[in-house]
Amino acid sequence: MNNKSDVRNRLLKMQAELQARLNRVQSENRREVEERDDSNAQLWETSEIRNGLDDEIATVLYDVNRALVALDAGNYGICRTCGKPIDSKRLEALPYTQLCVSCAGKHT
């Protein structure tokens, strides 16, 4: 994935897939709440799991959107912490990452 067009297409595909997943999870969560006749504890547990999934998907979607903005701004692939280029293998694995391996290790 070496050119801007390939990166953009991959990010746009990820964006669409993540948005569809998020919509599906939120819809399932609403439907489950409406259909439940069980105890509140079981409903709460199910909702907590789905809310966690909502948050995870929304976080990656946010990162994908930020990567698209960085691509348009001309600073895609540059670590937001140290300003050095992010290794191409890392970008291949995580095209929405904003941190190089070194800086990502410091943030965990």
C-alpha atoms as a PDB file:
ATOM      1  CA  MET A   1       0.000   0.000   0.000  1.00  0.00           C
ATOM      2  CA  ASN A   2       2.283   2.729  -1.196  1.00  0.00           C
ATOM      3  CA  ASN A   3       0.141   5.376  -2.774  1.00  0.00           C
ATOM      4  CA  LYS A   4      -2.303   7.841  -1.302  1.00  0.00           C
ATOM      5  CA  SER A   5      -5.211   6.490  -3.331  1.00  0.00           C
ATOM      6  CA  ASP A   6      -4.695   2.934  -2.035  1.00  0.00           C
ATOM      7  CA  VAL A   7      -4.488   4.185   1.550  1.00  0.00           C
ATOM      8  CA  ARG A   8      -7.623   6.304   1.136  1.00  0.00           C
ATOM      9  CA  ASN A   9      -9.571   3.402  -0.391  1.00  0.00           C
ATOM     10  CA  ARG A  10      -8.551   1.063   2.397  1.00  0.00           C
ATOM     11  CA  LEU A  11      -9.464   3.605   5.083  1.00  0.00           C
ATOM     12  CA  LEU A  12     -12.809   4.380   3.425  1.00  0.00           C
ATOM     13  CA  LYS A  13     -13.608   0.666   3.261  1.00  0.00           C
ATOM     14  CA  MET A  14     -12.727   0.292   6.946  1.00  0.00           C
ATOM     15  CA  GLN A  15     -14.830   3.355   7.768  1.00  0.00           C
ATOM     16  CA  ALA A  16     -17.893   1.911   6.015  1.00  0.00           C
ATOM     17  CA  GLU A  17     -17.469  -1.519   7.627  1.00  0.00           C
ATOM     18  CA  LEU A  18     -17.007  -0.046  11.108  1.00  0.00           C
ATOM     19  CA  GLN A  19     -20.008   2.257  10.746  1.00  0.00           C
ATOM     20  CA  ALA A  20     -22.147  -0.680   9.618  1.00  0.00           C
ATOM     21  CA  ARG A  21     -20.955  -2.772  12.596  1.00  0.00           C
ATOM     22  CA  LEU A  22     -21.618   0.067  15.016  1.00  0.00           C
ATOM     23  CA  ASN A  23     -25.114   0.590  13.605  1.00  0.00           C
ATOM     24  CA  ARG A  24     -25.807  -3.157  13.823  1.00  0.00           C
ATOM     25  CA  VAL A  25     -24.630  -3.422  17.454  1.00  0.00           C
ATOM     26  CA  GLN A  26     -26.617  -0.365  18.494  1.00  0.00           C
ATOM     27  CA  SER A  27     -29.711  -1.692  16.735  1.00  0.00           C
ATOM     28  CA  GLU A  28     -29.327  -5.095  18.408  1.00  0.00           C
ATOM     29  CA  ASN A  29     -28.911  -3.398  21.764  1.00  0.00           C
ATOM     30  CA  ARG A  30     -32.097  -1.349  21.305  1.00  0.00           C
ATOM     31  CA  ARG A  31     -34.021  -4.408  20.139  1.00  0.00           C
ATOM     32  CA  GLU A  32     -32.796  -6.468  23.085  1.00  0.00           C
ATOM     33  CA  VAL A  33     -33.867  -3.798  25.553  1.00  0.00           C
ATOM     34  CA  GLU A  34     -37.313  -3.618  23.960  1.00  0.00           C
ATOM     35  CA  GLU A  35     -37.787  -7.413  23.887  1.00  0.00           C
ATOM     36  CA  ARG A  36     -36.444  -8.322  27.328  1.00  0.00           C
ATOM     37  CA  ASP A  37     -38.784  -9.658  29.993  1.00  0.00           C
ATOM     38  CA  ASP A  38     -35.887 -11.081  32.079  1.00  0.00           C
ATOM     39  CA  SER A  39     -34.416  -9.699  35.221  1.00  0.00           C
ATOM     40  CA  ASN A  40     -32.720  -6.317  35.154  1.00  0.00           C
ATOM     41  CA  ALA A  41     -29.396  -7.930  36.076  1.00  0.00           C
ATOM     42  CA  GLN A  42     -29.266 -10.012  32.917  1.00  0.00           C
ATOM     43  CA  LEU A  43     -30.331  -7.026  30.811  1.00  0.00           C
ATOM     44  CA  TRP A  44     -27.670  -4.863  32.451  1.00  0.00           C
ATOM     45  CA  GLU A  45     -24.957  -7.479  31.800  1.00  0.00           C
ATOM     46  CA  THR A  46     -25.895  -7.800  28.137  1.00  0.00           C
ATOM     47  CA  SER A  47     -26.044  -4.024  27.736  1.00  0.00           C
ATOM     48  CA  GLU A  48     -22.627  -3.594  29.362  1.00  0.00           C
ATOM     49  CA  ILE A  49     -21.078  -6.058  26.910  1.00  0.00           C
ATOM     50  CA  ARG A  50     -22.692  -4.347  23.941  1.00  0.00           C
ATOM     51  CA  ASN A  51     -21.772  -0.886  25.225  1.00  0.00           C
ATOM     52  CA  GLY A  52     -18.161  -2.023  25.498  1.00  0.00           C
ATOM     53  CA  LEU A  53     -18.321  -3.234  21.913  1.00  0.00           C
ATOM     54  CA  ASP A  54     -19.921   0.084  20.901  1.00  0.00           C
ATOM     55  CA  ASP A  55     -17.037   1.949  22.519  1.00  0.00           C
ATOM     56  CA  GLU A  56     -14.378  -0.221  20.886  1.00  0.00           C
ATOM     57  CA  ILE A  57     -15.864   0.115  17.419  1.00  0.00           C
ATOM     58  CA  ALA A  58     -16.433   3.852  17.880  1.00  0.00           C
ATOM     59  CA  THR A  59     -12.811   4.334  18.962  1.00  0.00           C
ATOM     60  CA  VAL A  60     -11.425   2.590  15.887  1.00  0.00           C
ATOM     61  CA  LEU A  61     -13.896   4.474  13.672  1.00  0.00           C
ATOM     62  CA  TYR A  62     -12.687   7.743  15.223  1.00  0.00           C
ATOM     63  CA  ASP A  63      -9.070   6.748  14.521  1.00  0.00           C
ATOM     64  CA  VAL A  64      -9.920   5.870  10.911  1.00  0.00           C
ATOM     65  CA  ASN A  65     -11.577   9.266  10.469  1.00  0.00           C
ATOM     66  CA  ARG A  66      -8.510  10.989  11.943  1.00  0.00           C
ATOM     67  CA  ALA A  67      -6.277   9.041   9.551  1.00  0.00           C
ATOM     68  CA  LEU A  68      -8.360  10.274   6.613  1.00  0.00           C
ATOM     69  CA  VAL A  69      -7.986  13.859   7.864  1.00  0.00           C
ATOM     70  CA  ALA A  70      -4.218  13.355   8.233  1.00  0.00           C
ATOM     71  CA  LEU A  71      -4.084  11.945   4.707  1.00  0.00           C
ATOM     72  CA  ASP A  72      -5.817  15.046   3.351  1.00  0.00           C
ATOM     73  CA  ALA A  73      -3.563  17.325   5.421  1.00  0.00           C
ATOM     74  CA  GLY A  74      -0.442  15.613   4.101  1.00  0.00           C
ATOM     75  CA  ASN A  75       0.787  14.310   7.446  1.00  0.00           C
ATOM     76  CA  TYR A  76      -0.452  10.724   7.247  1.00  0.00           C
ATOM     77  CA  GLY A  77       2.152   8.245   8.482  1.00  0.00           C
ATOM     78  CA  ILE A  78       3.875  10.735  10.770  1.00  0.00           C
ATOM     79  CA  CYS A  79       3.879   9.949  14.488  1.00  0.00           C
ATOM     80  CA  ARG A  80       1.830  12.555  16.339  1.00  0.00           C
ATOM     81  CA  THR A  81       4.097  12.289  19.377  1.00  0.00           C
ATOM     82  CA  CYS A  82       7.663  12.314  18.053  1.00  0.00           C
ATOM     83  CA  GLY A  83       7.074  13.554  14.493  1.00  0.00           C
ATOM     84  CA  LYS A  84       9.044  10.717  12.893  1.00  0.00           C
ATOM     85  CA  PRO A  85       7.696   8.566  10.054  1.00  0.00           C
ATOM     86  CA  ILE A  86       5.720   5.505  11.126  1.00  0.00           C
ATOM     87  CA  ASP A  87       7.160   2.265   9.738  1.00  0.00           C
ATOM     88  CA  SER A  88       5.313   1.122   6.610  1.00  0.00           C
ATOM     89  CA  LYS A  89       4.773  -2.370   8.051  1.00  0.00           C
ATOM     90  CA  ARG A  90       2.997  -0.834  11.050  1.00  0.00           C
ATOM     91  CA  LEU A  91       0.831   1.268   8.722  1.00  0.00           C
ATOM     92  CA  GLU A  92       0.062  -1.818   6.676  1.00  0.00           C
ATOM     93  CA  ALA A  93      -1.147  -3.615   9.811  1.00  0.00           C
ATOM     94  CA  LEU A  94      -2.876  -0.578  11.379  1.00  0.00           C
ATOM     95  CA  PRO A  95      -3.519   1.993   8.660  1.00  0.00           C
ATOM     96  CA  TYR A  96      -5.261   4.253  11.164  1.00  0.00           C
ATOM     97  CA  THR A  97      -2.423   4.367  13.704  1.00  0.00           C
ATOM     98  CA  GLN A  98      -1.028   7.739  14.699  1.00  0.00           C
ATOM     99  CA  LEU A  99       1.910   6.502  16.734  1.00  0.00           C
ATOM    100  CA  CYS A 100       5.171   4.817  15.822  1.00  0.00           C
ATOM    101  CA  VAL A 101       6.025   1.588  17.646  1.00  0.00           C
ATOM    102  CA  SER A 102       8.286   3.367  20.100  1.00  0.00           C
ATOM    103  CA  CYS A 103       5.737   6.014  21.087  1.00  0.00           C
ATOM    104  CA  ALA A 104       2.877   3.489  21.189  1.00  0.00           C
ATOM    105  CA  GLY A 105       4.895   1.452  23.684  1.00  0.00           C
ATOM    106  CA  LYS A 106       5.212   4.490  25.920  1.00  0.00           C
ATOM    107  CA  HIS A 107       1.438   5.097  25.914  1.00  0.00           C
ATOM    108  CA  THR A 108       0.446   1.642  27.114  1.00  0.00           C
END
